[in-house]
Amino acid sequence: MSCVEAFIGNLRDEAEKIVHETFPRKVVELDRLLQKPHLSLKNLSGVRKCSAESISEFSAASTNKKTLEGDARIGINKVVSEGMDSVRVEITTLMQACNTLRLWVSKIPNS
């Protein structure tokens, strides 16, 4: 067996594992994560409140020219930021798995 055939075989095995095990597990994990209070759509009023506060802080800071010329910072929505931090790793893992599947599909011989 050549190195290329071995590589394609290993890639196929990994792709099958991703489709049959990784994706279903990640769907369940992401669903659980989205049920948590900080990511729930039931918390939209908290997200809007935090957005209004960060916009107010930025508006107050932007009236001072020295702040704009010096260390100007744009406010962030802490609720959204914390939510993104909690899903970022999961999304990155899924993107890597999709890249593996893309490579595998590109290596399937035309029949």
N, C-alpha and C. Protein backbone atom coordinates (compact mmCIF):
# COMPACT_ATOMS: atom_id res chain seq x y z
N MET A 1 0.85 -1.18 0.00
CA MET A 1 0.00 0.00 0.00
C MET A 1 0.89 1.24 0.00
N SER A 2 0.60 2.15 -0.87
CA SER A 2 1.42 3.35 -0.97
C SER A 2 1.05 4.33 0.15
N CYS A 3 1.91 5.30 0.33
CA CYS A 3 1.68 6.33 1.35
C CYS A 3 0.42 7.12 1.06
N VAL A 4 0.17 7.38 -0.20
CA VAL A 4 -1.03 8.14 -0.58
C VAL A 4 -2.29 7.34 -0.25
N GLU A 5 -2.27 6.04 -0.58
CA GLU A 5 -3.43 5.20 -0.28
C GLU A 5 -3.66 5.10 1.22
N ALA A 6 -2.58 5.01 1.98
CA ALA A 6 -2.70 4.96 3.44
C ALA A 6 -3.28 6.27 3.98
N PHE A 7 -2.81 7.38 3.43
CA PHE A 7 -3.32 8.69 3.85
C PHE A 7 -4.81 8.80 3.57
N ILE A 8 -5.22 8.39 2.36
CA ILE A 8 -6.64 8.47 1.99
C ILE A 8 -7.47 7.53 2.87
N GLY A 9 -6.94 6.37 3.19
CA GLY A 9 -7.64 5.43 4.08
C GLY A 9 -7.82 6.01 5.47
N ASN A 10 -6.76 6.62 6.00
CA ASN A 10 -6.85 7.25 7.33
C ASN A 10 -7.83 8.43 7.30
N LEU A 11 -7.79 9.18 6.22
CA LEU A 11 -8.70 10.32 6.05
C LEU A 11 -10.15 9.84 6.00
N ARG A 12 -10.39 8.74 5.29
CA ARG A 12 -11.73 8.16 5.21
C ARG A 12 -12.22 7.72 6.59
N ASP A 13 -11.35 7.05 7.33
CA ASP A 13 -11.72 6.61 8.67
C ASP A 13 -12.06 7.80 9.58
N GLU A 14 -11.26 8.84 9.49
CA GLU A 14 -11.50 10.03 10.30
C GLU A 14 -12.81 10.71 9.88
N ALA A 15 -13.05 10.78 8.59
CA ALA A 15 -14.28 11.41 8.08
C ALA A 15 -15.51 10.63 8.55
N GLU A 16 -15.44 9.31 8.51
CA GLU A 16 -16.57 8.50 8.97
C GLU A 16 -16.82 8.72 10.46
N LYS A 17 -15.76 8.83 11.22
CA LYS A 17 -15.89 9.08 12.66
C LYS A 17 -16.53 10.45 12.91
N ILE A 18 -16.13 11.44 12.12
CA ILE A 18 -16.70 12.78 12.26
C ILE A 18 -18.20 12.75 11.99
N VAL A 19 -18.59 12.09 10.90
CA VAL A 19 -20.00 12.07 10.50
C VAL A 19 -20.85 11.26 11.49
N HIS A 20 -20.34 10.13 11.94
CA HIS A 20 -21.13 9.24 12.78
C HIS A 20 -21.05 9.54 14.27
N GLU A 21 -19.96 10.14 14.73
CA GLU A 21 -19.79 10.36 16.17
C GLU A 21 -19.66 11.84 16.54
N THR A 22 -18.73 12.53 15.89
CA THR A 22 -18.42 13.90 16.30
C THR A 22 -19.59 14.85 16.07
N PHE A 23 -20.15 14.88 14.87
CA PHE A 23 -21.24 15.81 14.58
C PHE A 23 -22.46 15.58 15.48
N PRO A 24 -22.94 14.34 15.64
CA PRO A 24 -24.08 14.15 16.54
C PRO A 24 -23.78 14.59 17.98
N ARG A 25 -22.57 14.29 18.46
CA ARG A 25 -22.20 14.69 19.82
C ARG A 25 -22.15 16.22 19.95
N LYS A 26 -21.59 16.87 18.94
CA LYS A 26 -21.49 18.34 18.98
C LYS A 26 -22.86 19.00 18.91
N VAL A 27 -23.79 18.42 18.16
CA VAL A 27 -25.15 18.97 18.11
C VAL A 27 -25.77 18.95 19.49
N VAL A 28 -25.62 17.84 20.20
CA VAL A 28 -26.16 17.73 21.56
C VAL A 28 -25.46 18.72 22.49
N GLU A 29 -24.14 18.83 22.40
CA GLU A 29 -23.39 19.75 23.25
C GLU A 29 -23.80 21.20 22.99
N LEU A 30 -23.92 21.58 21.72
CA LEU A 30 -24.32 22.95 21.39
C LEU A 30 -25.76 23.23 21.83
N ASP A 31 -26.63 22.24 21.71
CA ASP A 31 -28.01 22.42 22.17
C ASP A 31 -28.04 22.67 23.67
N ARG A 32 -27.26 21.90 24.42
CA ARG A 32 -27.18 22.12 25.88
C ARG A 32 -26.63 23.50 26.19
N LEU A 33 -25.63 23.91 25.45
CA LEU A 33 -25.01 25.22 25.65
C LEU A 33 -26.03 26.33 25.38
N LEU A 34 -26.82 26.17 24.34
CA LEU A 34 -27.81 27.19 23.99
C LEU A 34 -28.99 27.23 24.96
N GLN A 35 -29.13 26.21 25.78
CA GLN A 35 -30.18 26.20 26.79
C GLN A 35 -29.78 26.97 28.04
N LYS A 36 -28.49 27.27 28.17
CA LYS A 36 -28.02 27.99 29.36
C LYS A 36 -28.56 29.42 29.33
N PRO A 37 -28.79 29.99 30.50
CA PRO A 37 -29.43 31.32 30.58
C PRO A 37 -28.71 32.42 29.81
N HIS A 38 -27.39 32.43 29.80
CA HIS A 38 -26.68 33.54 29.15
C HIS A 38 -26.76 33.48 27.63
N LEU A 39 -27.19 32.35 27.05
CA LEU A 39 -27.34 32.25 25.60
C LEU A 39 -28.80 32.10 25.17
N SER A 40 -29.70 32.07 26.12
CA SER A 40 -31.10 31.85 25.81
C SER A 40 -31.73 33.09 25.18
N LEU A 41 -32.63 32.87 24.25
CA LEU A 41 -33.36 33.99 23.65
C LEU A 41 -34.28 34.66 24.66
N LYS A 42 -34.54 33.98 25.76
CA LYS A 42 -35.36 34.57 26.82
C LYS A 42 -34.62 35.73 27.49
N ASN A 43 -33.32 35.83 27.26
CA ASN A 43 -32.50 36.86 27.88
C ASN A 43 -32.30 38.07 26.97
N LEU A 44 -33.11 38.24 25.96
CA LEU A 44 -32.93 39.34 25.01
C LEU A 44 -33.02 40.70 25.68
N SER A 45 -33.85 40.83 26.70
CA SER A 45 -33.95 42.13 27.38
C SER A 45 -32.62 42.47 28.04
N GLY A 46 -31.94 41.47 28.60
CA GLY A 46 -30.62 41.70 29.19
C GLY A 46 -29.59 42.08 28.14
N VAL A 47 -29.67 41.48 26.98
CA VAL A 47 -28.75 41.80 25.89
C VAL A 47 -28.98 43.24 25.42
N ARG A 48 -30.25 43.59 25.26
CA ARG A 48 -30.57 44.96 24.82
C ARG A 48 -30.14 46.00 25.85
N LYS A 49 -30.34 45.69 27.12
CA LYS A 49 -29.94 46.61 28.20
C LYS A 49 -28.43 46.82 28.17
N CYS A 50 -27.70 45.73 28.04
CA CYS A 50 -26.23 45.81 28.00
C CYS A 50 -25.77 46.59 26.78
N SER A 51 -26.45 46.40 25.64
CA SER A 51 -26.10 47.15 24.43
C SER A 51 -26.34 48.64 24.64
N ALA A 52 -27.47 48.98 25.24
CA ALA A 52 -27.78 50.39 25.48
C ALA A 52 -26.74 51.02 26.41
N GLU A 53 -26.32 50.26 27.43
CA GLU A 53 -25.31 50.77 28.36
C GLU A 53 -23.97 50.99 27.67
N SER A 54 -23.55 50.05 26.82
CA SER A 54 -22.26 50.19 26.15
C SER A 54 -22.29 51.34 25.14
N ILE A 55 -23.44 51.55 24.48
CA ILE A 55 -23.58 52.67 23.55
C ILE A 55 -23.53 53.99 24.32
N SER A 56 -24.20 54.04 25.46
CA SER A 56 -24.18 55.26 26.29
C SER A 56 -22.77 55.58 26.76
N GLU A 57 -22.05 54.54 27.20
CA GLU A 57 -20.66 54.75 27.65
C GLU A 57 -19.80 55.27 26.50
N PHE A 58 -19.97 54.69 25.33
CA PHE A 58 -19.18 55.13 24.17
C PHE A 58 -19.53 56.56 23.78
N SER A 59 -20.82 56.88 23.79
CA SER A 59 -21.25 58.23 23.44
C SER A 59 -20.68 59.25 24.42
N ALA A 60 -20.69 58.92 25.71
CA ALA A 60 -20.14 59.83 26.71
C ALA A 60 -18.64 60.01 26.52
N ALA A 61 -17.95 58.95 26.19
CA ALA A 61 -16.50 59.02 25.99
C ALA A 61 -16.16 59.76 24.70
N SER A 62 -17.01 59.66 23.69
CA SER A 62 -16.68 60.29 22.41
C SER A 62 -16.86 61.80 22.44
N THR A 63 -17.53 62.34 23.45
CA THR A 63 -17.67 63.79 23.54
C THR A 63 -16.37 64.44 23.98
N ASN A 64 -15.47 63.66 24.54
CA ASN A 64 -14.18 64.17 24.99
C ASN A 64 -13.16 63.95 23.87
N LYS A 65 -12.70 65.05 23.25
CA LYS A 65 -11.76 64.93 22.11
C LYS A 65 -10.47 64.25 22.51
N LYS A 66 -10.01 64.47 23.74
CA LYS A 66 -8.76 63.84 24.17
C LYS A 66 -8.90 62.32 24.17
N THR A 67 -10.07 61.84 24.54
CA THR A 67 -10.30 60.39 24.54
C THR A 67 -10.21 59.84 23.13
N LEU A 68 -10.81 60.55 22.17
CA LEU A 68 -10.77 60.07 20.79
C LEU A 68 -9.36 60.10 20.22
N GLU A 69 -8.59 61.13 20.58
CA GLU A 69 -7.23 61.23 20.05
C GLU A 69 -6.30 60.25 20.73
N GLY A 70 -6.58 59.93 21.98
CA GLY A 70 -5.70 59.05 22.74
C GLY A 70 -6.16 57.61 22.67
N ASP A 71 -6.52 57.09 23.79
CA ASP A 71 -6.87 55.68 23.92
C ASP A 71 -8.38 55.50 23.79
N ALA A 72 -8.90 55.63 22.60
CA ALA A 72 -10.34 55.47 22.37
C ALA A 72 -10.68 53.99 22.28
N ARG A 73 -11.71 53.60 22.99
CA ARG A 73 -12.16 52.21 22.96
C ARG A 73 -13.65 52.17 22.72
N ILE A 74 -14.07 51.25 21.94
CA ILE A 74 -15.48 51.08 21.66
C ILE A 74 -16.02 50.09 22.67
N GLY A 75 -17.15 50.43 23.26
CA GLY A 75 -17.76 49.55 24.23
C GLY A 75 -18.23 48.25 23.59
N ILE A 76 -18.26 47.22 24.38
CA ILE A 76 -18.74 45.93 23.89
C ILE A 76 -19.93 45.49 24.71
N ASN A 77 -20.76 44.68 24.12
CA ASN A 77 -21.87 44.09 24.84
C ASN A 77 -21.33 42.87 25.58
N LYS A 78 -21.27 42.97 26.89
CA LYS A 78 -20.66 41.91 27.69
C LYS A 78 -21.43 40.60 27.60
N VAL A 79 -22.74 40.69 27.50
CA VAL A 79 -23.56 39.47 27.40
C VAL A 79 -23.22 38.72 26.12
N VAL A 80 -23.17 39.45 25.00
CA VAL A 80 -22.85 38.83 23.71
C VAL A 80 -21.42 38.31 23.71
N SER A 81 -20.51 39.09 24.27
CA SER A 81 -19.11 38.69 24.32
C SER A 81 -18.91 37.40 25.10
N GLU A 82 -19.56 37.29 26.25
CA GLU A 82 -19.46 36.07 27.06
C GLU A 82 -20.08 34.88 26.32
N GLY A 83 -21.18 35.12 25.63
CA GLY A 83 -21.80 34.05 24.85
C GLY A 83 -20.89 33.57 23.74
N MET A 84 -20.25 34.51 23.06
CA MET A 84 -19.32 34.15 21.98
C MET A 84 -18.12 33.38 22.52
N ASP A 85 -17.63 33.80 23.67
CA ASP A 85 -16.50 33.07 24.26
C ASP A 85 -16.86 31.62 24.54
N SER A 86 -18.09 31.38 24.96
CA SER A 86 -18.48 30.01 25.30
C SER A 86 -18.70 29.13 24.07
N VAL A 87 -19.05 29.71 22.93
CA VAL A 87 -19.28 28.88 21.74
C VAL A 87 -18.12 28.90 20.74
N ARG A 88 -17.19 29.81 20.91
CA ARG A 88 -16.08 29.97 19.96
C ARG A 88 -15.29 28.67 19.78
N VAL A 89 -14.95 28.00 20.88
CA VAL A 89 -14.17 26.77 20.80
C VAL A 89 -14.96 25.69 20.06
N GLU A 90 -16.24 25.60 20.36
CA GLU A 90 -17.07 24.58 19.70
C GLU A 90 -17.17 24.85 18.20
N ILE A 91 -17.35 26.08 17.83
CA ILE A 91 -17.45 26.43 16.42
C ILE A 91 -16.14 26.16 15.70
N THR A 92 -15.02 26.48 16.34
CA THR A 92 -13.71 26.23 15.74
C THR A 92 -13.49 24.74 15.52
N THR A 93 -13.88 23.93 16.49
CA THR A 93 -13.75 22.48 16.36
C THR A 93 -14.58 21.95 15.19
N LEU A 94 -15.81 22.46 15.07
CA LEU A 94 -16.66 22.04 13.95
C LEU A 94 -16.11 22.49 12.61
N MET A 95 -15.53 23.67 12.56
CA MET A 95 -14.92 24.14 11.31
C MET A 95 -13.76 23.25 10.90
N GLN A 96 -12.95 22.82 11.86
CA GLN A 96 -11.84 21.92 11.56
C GLN A 96 -12.35 20.58 11.05
N ALA A 97 -13.42 20.09 11.67
CA ALA A 97 -14.02 18.83 11.22
C ALA A 97 -14.55 18.97 9.80
N CYS A 98 -15.17 20.10 9.48
CA CYS A 98 -15.68 20.33 8.12
C CYS A 98 -14.53 20.39 7.11
N ASN A 99 -13.41 20.97 7.52
CA ASN A 99 -12.25 21.01 6.63
C ASN A 99 -11.73 19.61 6.34
N THR A 100 -11.74 18.75 7.35
CA THR A 100 -11.33 17.36 7.16
C THR A 100 -12.27 16.66 6.17
N LEU A 101 -13.57 16.88 6.34
CA LEU A 101 -14.54 16.28 5.41
C LEU A 101 -14.36 16.82 4.00
N ARG A 102 -14.09 18.10 3.88
CA ARG A 102 -13.87 18.69 2.56
C ARG A 102 -12.66 18.04 1.88
N LEU A 103 -11.60 17.84 2.63
CA LEU A 103 -10.40 17.20 2.08
C LEU A 103 -10.72 15.77 1.66
N TRP A 104 -11.46 15.06 2.49
CA TRP A 104 -11.82 13.69 2.18
C TRP A 104 -12.66 13.62 0.90
N VAL A 105 -13.64 14.50 0.78
CA VAL A 105 -14.50 14.49 -0.41
C VAL A 105 -13.68 14.81 -1.67
N SER A 106 -12.72 15.70 -1.53
CA SER A 106 -11.90 16.05 -2.70
C SER A 106 -10.98 14.88 -3.10
N LYS A 107 -10.73 13.96 -2.21
CA LYS A 107 -9.85 12.83 -2.52
C LYS A 107 -10.60 11.56 -2.93
N ILE A 108 -11.93 11.61 -2.93
CA ILE A 108 -12.70 10.45 -3.38
C ILE A 108 -12.49 10.29 -4.88
N PRO A 109 -12.06 9.12 -5.29
CA PRO A 109 -11.83 8.93 -6.74
C PRO A 109 -13.15 9.02 -7.50
N ASN A 110 -13.06 9.62 -8.69
CA ASN A 110 -14.25 9.72 -9.54
C ASN A 110 -14.60 8.33 -10.06
N SER A 111 -15.87 7.99 -9.94
CA SER A 111 -16.26 6.66 -10.43
C SER A 111 -17.30 6.74 -11.49
